Amino acid sequence: MGSKVEITRLDHTASDLRAFAAKCVDGAQVRRILALAMVLDGLPRHEAAALNGMDRQTLRDWVHRYNDCAIEGLKSRKSPGREPYLKPEQMAELRDLVINGPDLATDKVVRWRCVDLRAEVARRWSVEVHESTIGKWLGELGLTRLQPRPVHPKKDPEAETAFKKTSLLWCAQPSPAPRLAPPIEVWFQDDARVGQKGGHAYIWAPRGARPVMVRDNRHDSAYIFGAICPERGLTVKSRAMLTS
């Protein structure tokens, strides 16, 4: 039979430890507290350890932890893990680098990609990581990937604004011939399906023969445009066929 484990911290009795264990949500910490309560009640070390799923040496280690750090010392400590590749000041520098963007003359790129940042990190701090790691770092820095809309290099915003203003003035002017050129309302319907691939359709045979049902293999789409004259009540339609 092993010798009695010496507990030098006596600010909590066995009843106090059991009351604290009843409120604790950490199962591992509860087992250690109950083991110490049994030791305070005078139970042999090997029995107290066996009843709480540990051996005598492990119980001895937890007793020393309790003597040094009280009940808080009985919590499970997490491993700090591997040391980060980049220090906090280096991560801040990486964030500024991404926000400011690359310099075409020195970096030879017009926008940062993960592969470009990977090479830049290796050049600056001699750290070799995968492209996915760069993406994780950017997420941790509060950055996200944004894909801008394509813009034609010869686009002229001023000309576009002037065209809109001219169109509004043209619509507001009275028509010299109301019956021939009244104000119109332009509308369009986007992507109207012509046929449905996989459905059934009839192909008519010569006169007197029975129509044959076949599968509809048409899969074209059309953009339907139209203009309505409010006064004349006429509708003009045009259809542009597009192959999907």
Protein backbone atom coordinates (compact mmCIF):
# COMPACT_ATOMS: atom_id res chain seq x y z
CA MET A 1 0.00 0.00 0.00
CA GLY A 2 1.41 3.41 -0.99
CA SER A 3 2.13 6.17 1.44
CA LYS A 4 -0.22 9.04 1.98
CA VAL A 5 0.05 11.95 -0.48
CA GLU A 6 0.88 15.19 1.28
CA ILE A 7 -1.41 18.09 0.39
CA THR A 8 0.06 21.29 1.78
CA ARG A 9 -2.75 23.59 0.61
CA LEU A 10 -5.51 23.29 3.22
CA ASP A 11 -7.73 26.27 2.33
CA HIS A 12 -10.37 23.86 0.92
CA THR A 13 -11.78 20.82 2.65
CA ALA A 14 -12.90 17.61 0.95
CA SER A 15 -16.51 18.84 1.06
CA ASP A 16 -15.50 22.13 -0.55
CA LEU A 17 -13.73 20.28 -3.36
CA ARG A 18 -16.75 18.07 -4.02
CA ALA A 19 -19.03 21.12 -4.11
CA PHE A 20 -16.74 22.79 -6.63
CA ALA A 21 -16.59 19.60 -8.72
CA ALA A 22 -20.41 19.57 -8.91
CA LYS A 23 -20.34 22.99 -10.60
CA CYS A 24 -17.38 22.31 -12.88
CA VAL A 25 -18.01 21.50 -16.56
CA ASP A 26 -14.56 20.11 -17.35
CA GLY A 27 -14.73 16.34 -16.87
CA ALA A 28 -10.96 15.89 -16.53
CA GLN A 29 -10.78 18.60 -13.88
CA VAL A 30 -13.69 17.01 -12.00
CA ARG A 31 -11.86 13.66 -11.80
CA ARG A 32 -8.74 15.34 -10.42
CA ILE A 33 -10.70 17.32 -7.83
CA LEU A 34 -12.54 14.21 -6.64
CA ALA A 35 -9.25 12.32 -6.38
CA LEU A 36 -7.82 15.05 -4.16
CA ALA A 37 -10.99 15.04 -2.05
CA MET A 38 -10.55 11.31 -1.48
CA VAL A 39 -6.95 11.89 -0.47
CA LEU A 40 -8.06 14.51 2.04
CA ASP A 41 -10.53 11.98 3.44
CA GLY A 42 -7.58 9.62 4.12
CA LEU A 43 -8.13 7.17 1.25
CA PRO A 44 -4.91 5.43 0.07
CA ARG A 45 -3.28 6.96 -2.98
CA HIS A 46 -3.66 3.91 -5.25
CA GLU A 47 -7.39 3.58 -4.46
CA ALA A 48 -8.09 7.28 -5.02
CA ALA A 49 -6.21 7.12 -8.31
CA ALA A 50 -7.95 3.93 -9.49
CA LEU A 51 -11.42 5.30 -8.70
CA ASN A 52 -10.75 8.35 -10.87
CA GLY A 53 -9.09 6.69 -13.86
CA MET A 54 -5.41 7.42 -13.21
CA ASP A 55 -2.34 5.82 -11.65
CA ARG A 56 -0.54 6.80 -8.46
CA GLN A 57 2.22 8.72 -10.21
CA THR A 58 -0.28 10.82 -12.13
CA LEU A 59 -2.18 11.59 -8.94
CA ARG A 60 1.09 12.63 -7.31
CA ASP A 61 1.75 15.09 -10.16
CA TRP A 62 -1.72 16.63 -9.77
CA VAL A 63 -1.19 17.01 -6.04
CA HIS A 64 1.94 19.06 -6.71
CA ARG A 65 0.02 21.13 -9.26
CA TYR A 66 -2.75 21.73 -6.69
CA ASN A 67 -0.26 22.76 -4.03
CA ASP A 68 1.26 25.35 -6.38
CA CYS A 69 -1.75 26.74 -8.28
CA ALA A 70 -4.85 25.69 -6.27
CA ILE A 71 -7.94 24.50 -8.17
CA GLU A 72 -7.03 26.48 -11.29
CA GLY A 73 -3.92 24.33 -11.61
CA LEU A 74 -6.07 21.23 -12.12
CA LYS A 75 -7.31 22.41 -15.53
CA SER A 76 -6.00 20.77 -18.69
CA ARG A 77 -3.32 22.90 -20.25
CA LYS A 78 -3.18 23.18 -24.01
CA SER A 79 0.08 22.91 -25.85
CA PRO A 80 1.23 26.24 -27.29
CA GLY A 81 1.90 24.45 -30.57
CA ARG A 82 4.46 25.26 -33.20
CA GLU A 83 6.00 28.71 -33.24
CA PRO A 84 4.42 30.90 -35.96
CA TYR A 85 6.34 31.35 -39.18
CA LEU A 86 5.95 35.13 -39.10
CA LYS A 87 6.12 37.42 -36.12
CA PRO A 88 3.29 39.90 -35.42
CA GLU A 89 5.26 42.80 -36.87
CA GLN A 90 5.95 40.76 -40.01
CA MET A 91 2.26 39.92 -40.36
CA ALA A 92 1.44 43.63 -40.05
CA GLU A 93 3.98 44.37 -42.77
CA LEU A 94 2.40 41.69 -44.98
CA ARG A 95 -1.03 43.28 -44.49
CA ASP A 96 0.26 46.71 -45.47
CA LEU A 97 1.96 45.15 -48.49
CA VAL A 98 -1.32 43.65 -49.70
CA ILE A 99 -3.38 46.80 -49.06
CA ASN A 100 -0.92 49.12 -50.82
CA GLY A 101 -0.69 46.80 -53.82
CA PRO A 102 2.32 45.86 -55.94
CA ASP A 103 4.64 48.16 -57.82
CA LEU A 104 4.77 47.19 -61.47
CA ALA A 105 8.33 48.44 -61.88
CA THR A 106 9.80 46.42 -59.00
CA ASP A 107 7.34 43.57 -58.36
CA LYS A 108 6.58 42.88 -62.06
CA VAL A 109 2.89 42.20 -61.31
CA VAL A 110 -0.22 44.36 -61.50
CA ARG A 111 -2.09 42.63 -58.67
CA TRP A 112 -1.15 40.32 -55.83
CA ARG A 113 -1.87 36.62 -56.10
CA CYS A 114 -1.15 34.03 -53.45
CA VAL A 115 1.70 32.66 -55.53
CA ASP A 116 3.19 36.16 -55.83
CA LEU A 117 2.86 36.79 -52.09
CA ARG A 118 4.43 33.39 -51.42
CA ALA A 119 7.51 34.42 -53.41
CA GLU A 120 7.58 37.82 -51.71
CA VAL A 121 7.43 36.25 -48.23
CA ALA A 122 10.26 33.90 -49.17
CA ARG A 123 12.33 36.81 -50.47
CA ARG A 124 11.78 39.09 -47.48
CA TRP A 125 11.80 36.69 -44.55
CA SER A 126 13.20 33.41 -45.99
CA VAL A 127 9.99 31.54 -45.11
CA GLU A 128 8.78 28.85 -47.52
CA VAL A 129 5.05 28.10 -47.19
CA HIS A 130 2.29 26.80 -49.45
CA GLU A 131 -0.08 29.07 -51.37
CA SER A 132 -3.00 27.89 -49.23
CA THR A 133 -1.10 29.06 -46.14
CA ILE A 134 -0.86 32.53 -47.66
CA GLY A 135 -4.63 32.47 -48.16
CA LYS A 136 -5.18 31.50 -44.52
CA TRP A 137 -2.91 34.30 -43.36
CA LEU A 138 -4.85 36.83 -45.42
CA GLY A 139 -8.09 35.59 -43.87
CA GLU A 140 -6.62 35.98 -40.39
CA LEU A 141 -5.59 39.53 -41.29
CA GLY A 142 -9.18 40.38 -42.19
CA LEU A 143 -8.55 40.50 -45.94
CA THR A 144 -10.69 38.87 -48.60
CA ARG A 145 -10.38 38.36 -52.34
CA LEU A 146 -12.37 40.78 -54.49
CA GLN A 147 -12.74 40.36 -58.25
CA PRO A 148 -13.46 43.73 -59.90
CA ARG A 149 -15.71 44.01 -62.90
CA PRO A 150 -13.83 44.14 -66.20
CA VAL A 151 -13.40 47.63 -67.62
CA HIS A 152 -12.47 48.40 -71.20
CA PRO A 153 -9.20 50.36 -71.32
CA LYS A 154 -10.71 52.91 -73.75
CA LYS A 155 -13.87 53.49 -71.75
CA ASP A 156 -14.76 57.18 -71.37
CA PRO A 157 -17.03 57.83 -68.35
CA GLU A 158 -17.60 61.44 -69.42
CA ALA A 159 -18.87 60.37 -72.82
CA GLU A 160 -21.21 57.87 -71.17
CA THR A 161 -22.64 60.56 -68.89
CA ALA A 162 -23.05 62.96 -71.80
CA PHE A 163 -24.91 60.29 -73.79
CA LYS A 164 -27.34 59.74 -70.93
CA LYS A 165 -28.01 63.46 -70.63
CA THR A 166 -28.56 63.73 -74.39
CA SER A 167 -31.00 60.80 -74.32
CA LEU A 168 -33.06 62.42 -71.57
CA LEU A 169 -33.24 65.71 -73.46
CA TRP A 170 -34.26 63.91 -76.65
CA CYS A 171 -37.10 62.10 -74.88
CA ALA A 172 -38.33 65.33 -73.30
CA GLN A 173 -38.61 67.20 -76.60
CA PRO A 174 -42.08 67.25 -78.24
CA SER A 175 -42.39 65.19 -81.36
CA PRO A 176 -42.96 67.17 -84.56
CA ALA A 177 -45.25 64.45 -85.93
CA PRO A 178 -47.18 62.87 -83.04
CA ARG A 179 -48.89 60.31 -85.21
CA LEU A 180 -45.73 59.18 -86.98
CA ALA A 181 -43.14 59.41 -84.17
CA PRO A 182 -44.82 59.32 -80.75
CA PRO A 183 -42.85 58.69 -77.55
CA ILE A 184 -42.14 55.02 -77.19
CA GLU A 185 -41.49 52.65 -74.32
CA VAL A 186 -38.70 50.15 -74.92
CA TRP A 187 -38.70 46.79 -73.18
CA PHE A 188 -36.90 43.50 -73.55
CA GLN A 189 -37.04 39.99 -72.17
CA ASP A 190 -33.76 38.30 -71.38
CA ASP A 191 -33.00 34.75 -72.49
CA ALA A 192 -36.34 33.30 -73.58
CA ARG A 193 -35.98 29.57 -74.11
CA VAL A 194 -36.88 28.21 -77.52
CA GLY A 195 -37.73 24.56 -77.05
CA GLN A 196 -36.77 22.45 -74.07
CA LYS A 197 -34.12 19.84 -74.55
CA GLY A 198 -35.38 16.42 -73.56
CA GLY A 199 -39.08 17.25 -73.88
CA HIS A 200 -41.48 15.83 -76.46
CA ALA A 201 -42.66 17.55 -79.62
CA TYR A 202 -44.70 16.57 -82.68
CA ILE A 203 -43.24 16.39 -86.17
CA TRP A 204 -46.06 16.49 -88.65
CA ALA A 205 -45.93 13.93 -91.44
CA PRO A 206 -47.46 14.38 -94.94
CA ARG A 207 -51.20 14.94 -95.21
CA GLY A 208 -53.21 11.95 -94.07
CA ALA A 209 -50.38 10.39 -92.07
CA ARG A 210 -50.28 10.17 -88.29
CA PRO A 211 -47.99 12.69 -86.54
CA VAL A 212 -44.89 11.27 -84.93
CA MET A 213 -43.85 12.23 -81.38
CA VAL A 214 -40.11 12.73 -81.00
CA ARG A 215 -37.89 14.22 -78.34
CA ASP A 216 -37.26 17.94 -78.61
CA ASN A 217 -33.50 18.41 -78.94
CA ARG A 218 -33.60 22.16 -79.49
CA HIS A 219 -31.59 24.10 -76.95
CA ASP A 220 -31.35 27.59 -78.39
CA SER A 221 -32.01 30.79 -76.47
CA ALA A 222 -33.31 34.11 -77.69
CA TYR A 223 -33.27 37.72 -76.54
CA ILE A 224 -36.65 39.33 -77.26
CA PHE A 225 -36.74 43.10 -77.74
CA GLY A 226 -39.79 45.26 -78.23
CA ALA A 227 -41.17 48.79 -78.38
CA ILE A 228 -44.69 49.94 -77.47
CA CYS A 229 -46.37 53.04 -78.83
CA PRO A 230 -48.79 54.30 -76.13
CA GLU A 231 -50.99 56.23 -78.57
CA ARG A 232 -51.24 53.72 -81.40
CA GLY A 233 -51.15 50.66 -79.16
CA LEU A 234 -48.79 48.84 -81.48
CA THR A 235 -46.12 46.46 -80.36
CA VAL A 236 -43.04 45.84 -82.44
CA LYS A 237 -40.99 42.79 -81.58
CA SER A 238 -37.68 41.54 -82.76
CA ARG A 239 -35.97 38.30 -81.80
CA ALA A 240 -32.26 37.60 -81.82
CA MET A 241 -31.48 33.90 -81.78
CA LEU A 242 -28.46 32.73 -79.88
CA THR A 243 -27.15 29.20 -79.66
CA SER A 244 -26.53 28.16 -76.05
